[in-house]
């Protein structure tokens, strides 16, 4: 029996696939909006992280862009690990 998948679920899966592919390409440039969606935080939060130089970004045509390599480093540097025990 074929399982019914909603359009919303298809869109989420597609977005997740795109984000995963983008992270795997170290030179891909993310917009701050894309980063905010990926991190599930507000655009303003991402902008503040860039302005505070916590998240490295470059200016392209008057807009910030974040390289995938920098986003990956940011995630690794700010990740928490569960204590085993």
N, C-alpha and C. Protein backbone atom coordinates (compact mmCIF):
# COMPACT_ATOMS: atom_id res chain seq x y z
N UNK A 1 0.83 -1.17 0.00
CA UNK A 1 0.00 0.00 0.00
C UNK A 1 0.89 1.24 0.00
N UNK A 2 0.63 2.19 -0.89
CA UNK A 2 1.42 3.40 -1.01
C UNK A 2 1.05 4.38 0.10
N UNK A 3 2.07 4.90 0.76
CA UNK A 3 1.85 5.83 1.86
C UNK A 3 1.63 7.23 1.29
N UNK A 4 0.61 7.93 1.79
CA UNK A 4 0.33 9.29 1.36
C UNK A 4 1.24 10.25 2.11
N UNK A 5 1.91 11.12 1.37
CA UNK A 5 2.79 12.12 1.97
C UNK A 5 2.24 13.49 1.60
N UNK A 6 2.05 14.32 2.60
CA UNK A 6 1.49 15.65 2.36
C UNK A 6 2.49 16.51 1.59
N UNK A 7 1.97 17.54 0.96
CA UNK A 7 2.82 18.49 0.22
C UNK A 7 3.79 19.16 1.18
N UNK A 8 3.34 19.48 2.39
CA UNK A 8 4.20 20.11 3.38
C UNK A 8 5.37 19.19 3.74
N UNK A 9 5.07 17.91 3.90
CA UNK A 9 6.13 16.95 4.24
C UNK A 9 7.11 16.81 3.08
N UNK A 10 6.60 16.79 1.85
CA UNK A 10 7.48 16.74 0.68
C UNK A 10 8.37 17.97 0.64
N UNK A 11 7.81 19.13 0.93
CA UNK A 11 8.60 20.37 0.92
C UNK A 11 9.67 20.33 1.99
N UNK A 12 9.32 19.84 3.19
CA UNK A 12 10.32 19.74 4.27
C UNK A 12 11.44 18.80 3.88
N UNK A 13 11.10 17.67 3.29
CA UNK A 13 12.13 16.72 2.87
C UNK A 13 13.01 17.34 1.79
N UNK A 14 12.40 18.02 0.86
CA UNK A 14 13.16 18.67 -0.20
C UNK A 14 14.08 19.72 0.39
N UNK A 15 13.59 20.55 1.29
CA UNK A 15 14.40 21.58 1.93
C UNK A 15 15.55 20.95 2.69
N UNK A 16 15.29 19.87 3.41
CA UNK A 16 16.34 19.20 4.16
C UNK A 16 17.41 18.65 3.22
N UNK A 17 17.00 18.09 2.10
CA UNK A 17 17.95 17.59 1.11
C UNK A 17 18.81 18.71 0.55
N UNK A 18 18.18 19.83 0.22
CA UNK A 18 18.91 20.99 -0.31
C UNK A 18 19.90 21.50 0.72
N UNK A 19 19.47 21.64 1.96
CA UNK A 19 20.36 22.13 3.01
C UNK A 19 21.55 21.19 3.21
N UNK A 20 21.29 19.89 3.19
CA UNK A 20 22.37 18.91 3.36
C UNK A 20 23.37 19.03 2.21
N UNK A 21 22.88 19.15 0.98
CA UNK A 21 23.76 19.31 -0.18
C UNK A 21 24.56 20.60 -0.08
N UNK A 22 23.92 21.67 0.36
CA UNK A 22 24.61 22.95 0.49
C UNK A 22 25.71 22.89 1.53
N UNK A 23 25.47 22.20 2.65
CA UNK A 23 26.49 22.08 3.68
C UNK A 23 27.68 21.26 3.19
N UNK A 24 27.42 20.30 2.30
CA UNK A 24 28.49 19.46 1.79
C UNK A 24 29.37 20.20 0.78
N UNK A 25 28.89 21.29 0.22
CA UNK A 25 29.67 22.10 -0.72
C UNK A 25 30.25 23.28 0.07
N UNK A 26 31.55 23.23 0.41
CA UNK A 26 32.13 24.26 1.29
C UNK A 26 32.09 25.67 0.72
N UNK A 27 31.96 25.81 -0.59
CA UNK A 27 31.95 27.14 -1.20
C UNK A 27 30.55 27.70 -1.42
N UNK A 28 29.52 26.91 -1.11
CA UNK A 28 28.15 27.41 -1.28
C UNK A 28 27.95 28.63 -0.39
N UNK A 29 27.28 29.64 -0.90
CA UNK A 29 27.00 30.85 -0.13
C UNK A 29 25.54 30.85 0.30
N UNK A 30 25.30 30.89 1.59
CA UNK A 30 23.97 30.93 2.18
C UNK A 30 23.59 32.38 2.44
N UNK A 31 22.34 32.73 2.20
CA UNK A 31 21.83 34.03 2.63
C UNK A 31 21.58 33.95 4.14
N UNK A 32 21.48 35.10 4.77
CA UNK A 32 21.20 35.08 6.21
C UNK A 32 19.82 34.49 6.47
N UNK A 33 18.88 34.69 5.57
CA UNK A 33 17.55 34.11 5.73
C UNK A 33 17.64 32.58 5.69
N UNK A 34 18.43 32.04 4.76
CA UNK A 34 18.60 30.58 4.69
C UNK A 34 19.24 30.05 5.96
N UNK A 35 20.24 30.77 6.47
CA UNK A 35 20.90 30.35 7.71
C UNK A 35 19.89 30.39 8.86
N UNK A 36 19.06 31.42 8.90
CA UNK A 36 18.08 31.53 10.00
C UNK A 36 17.09 30.38 9.95
N UNK A 37 16.66 30.01 8.76
CA UNK A 37 15.73 28.88 8.62
C UNK A 37 16.41 27.59 9.05
N UNK A 38 17.65 27.39 8.60
CA UNK A 38 18.38 26.17 8.94
C UNK A 38 18.60 26.05 10.44
N UNK A 39 18.96 27.15 11.08
CA UNK A 39 19.23 27.13 12.52
C UNK A 39 17.97 27.28 13.38
N UNK A 40 16.85 27.57 12.73
CA UNK A 40 15.57 27.77 13.44
C UNK A 40 15.66 28.92 14.44
N UNK A 41 16.26 30.02 13.97
CA UNK A 41 16.33 31.24 14.75
C UNK A 41 15.88 32.38 13.85
N UNK A 42 15.71 33.55 14.41
CA UNK A 42 15.25 34.68 13.60
C UNK A 42 16.38 35.21 12.71
N UNK A 43 15.97 35.89 11.66
CA UNK A 43 16.92 36.57 10.78
C UNK A 43 17.76 37.55 11.59
N UNK A 44 17.10 38.27 12.47
CA UNK A 44 17.78 39.28 13.30
C UNK A 44 18.86 38.64 14.17
N UNK A 45 18.60 37.45 14.70
CA UNK A 45 19.60 36.74 15.49
C UNK A 45 20.84 36.43 14.66
N UNK A 46 20.62 35.94 13.44
CA UNK A 46 21.75 35.63 12.55
C UNK A 46 22.50 36.91 12.21
N UNK A 47 21.78 37.97 11.91
CA UNK A 47 22.42 39.25 11.60
C UNK A 47 23.29 39.73 12.77
N UNK A 48 22.78 39.60 13.98
CA UNK A 48 23.56 40.00 15.16
C UNK A 48 24.82 39.14 15.32
N UNK A 49 24.71 37.83 15.03
CA UNK A 49 25.88 36.95 15.12
C UNK A 49 26.94 37.37 14.09
N UNK A 50 26.50 37.76 12.91
CA UNK A 50 27.43 38.23 11.87
C UNK A 50 28.06 39.55 12.29
N UNK A 51 27.24 40.48 12.73
CA UNK A 51 27.75 41.79 13.14
C UNK A 51 28.71 41.70 14.32
N UNK A 52 28.49 40.74 15.21
CA UNK A 52 29.38 40.52 16.35
C UNK A 52 30.58 39.66 15.98
N UNK A 53 30.67 39.27 14.72
CA UNK A 53 31.75 38.45 14.18
C UNK A 53 31.82 37.07 14.82
N UNK A 54 30.69 36.59 15.32
CA UNK A 54 30.61 35.21 15.83
C UNK A 54 30.42 34.24 14.68
N UNK A 55 29.78 34.71 13.60
CA UNK A 55 29.55 33.90 12.40
C UNK A 55 30.17 34.67 11.23
N UNK A 56 31.29 34.18 10.68
CA UNK A 56 31.93 34.89 9.57
C UNK A 56 31.04 34.95 8.33
N UNK A 57 31.03 36.11 7.70
CA UNK A 57 30.23 36.31 6.50
C UNK A 57 30.96 37.27 5.57
N UNK A 58 30.55 37.26 4.31
CA UNK A 58 31.09 38.20 3.34
C UNK A 58 29.94 39.03 2.79
N UNK A 59 30.29 40.19 2.29
CA UNK A 59 29.28 41.08 1.71
C UNK A 59 29.29 40.87 0.19
N UNK A 60 28.14 40.55 -0.36
CA UNK A 60 27.98 40.36 -1.80
C UNK A 60 26.82 41.23 -2.25
N UNK A 61 27.13 42.23 -3.05
CA UNK A 61 26.08 43.11 -3.57
C UNK A 61 25.24 43.76 -2.50
N UNK A 62 25.84 44.11 -1.39
CA UNK A 62 25.11 44.79 -0.33
C UNK A 62 24.41 43.85 0.65
N UNK A 63 24.55 42.54 0.47
CA UNK A 63 23.93 41.57 1.36
C UNK A 63 24.98 40.60 1.89
N UNK A 64 24.82 40.19 3.14
CA UNK A 64 25.73 39.22 3.71
C UNK A 64 25.46 37.83 3.14
N UNK A 65 26.55 37.06 3.00
CA UNK A 65 26.47 35.66 2.63
C UNK A 65 27.41 34.89 3.55
N UNK A 66 27.05 33.65 3.87
CA UNK A 66 27.86 32.80 4.75
C UNK A 66 28.27 31.57 3.95
N UNK A 67 29.57 31.31 3.88
CA UNK A 67 30.05 30.11 3.20
C UNK A 67 29.68 28.88 4.03
N UNK A 68 29.38 27.79 3.34
CA UNK A 68 29.04 26.55 4.03
C UNK A 68 30.15 26.12 4.98
N UNK A 69 31.40 26.28 4.55
CA UNK A 69 32.52 25.90 5.41
C UNK A 69 32.49 26.67 6.72
N UNK A 70 32.16 27.96 6.66
CA UNK A 70 32.09 28.78 7.87
C UNK A 70 30.90 28.38 8.74
N UNK A 71 29.78 28.08 8.10
CA UNK A 71 28.61 27.63 8.85
C UNK A 71 28.91 26.31 9.56
N UNK A 72 29.59 25.41 8.86
CA UNK A 72 29.97 24.13 9.48
C UNK A 72 30.88 24.32 10.67
N UNK A 73 31.87 25.21 10.54
CA UNK A 73 32.78 25.50 11.66
C UNK A 73 32.01 26.11 12.84
N UNK A 74 31.10 27.01 12.52
CA UNK A 74 30.28 27.63 13.56
C UNK A 74 29.47 26.57 14.31
N UNK A 75 28.87 25.66 13.57
CA UNK A 75 28.06 24.61 14.21
C UNK A 75 28.91 23.70 15.08
N UNK A 76 30.08 23.31 14.58
CA UNK A 76 30.97 22.45 15.38
C UNK A 76 31.45 23.18 16.64
N UNK A 77 31.79 24.45 16.51
CA UNK A 77 32.30 25.21 17.65
C UNK A 77 31.23 25.48 18.70
N UNK A 78 29.98 25.48 18.28
CA UNK A 78 28.89 25.82 19.20
C UNK A 78 28.00 24.64 19.55
N UNK A 79 28.42 23.45 19.17
CA UNK A 79 27.61 22.27 19.49
C UNK A 79 27.91 21.80 20.89
N UNK A 80 26.94 21.15 21.47
CA UNK A 80 27.12 20.56 22.79
C UNK A 80 27.10 19.06 22.64
N UNK A 81 27.82 18.38 23.50
CA UNK A 81 27.82 16.93 23.46
C UNK A 81 27.20 16.42 24.73
N UNK A 82 26.54 15.30 24.59
CA UNK A 82 25.91 14.68 25.76
C UNK A 82 26.95 13.92 26.55
N UNK A 83 26.93 14.11 27.85
CA UNK A 83 27.84 13.37 28.71
C UNK A 83 27.38 11.92 28.79
N UNK A 84 28.34 11.02 28.71
CA UNK A 84 28.00 9.61 28.84
C UNK A 84 28.04 9.23 30.31
N UNK A 85 27.12 8.38 30.67
CA UNK A 85 27.17 8.02 32.07
C UNK A 85 26.06 7.21 32.52
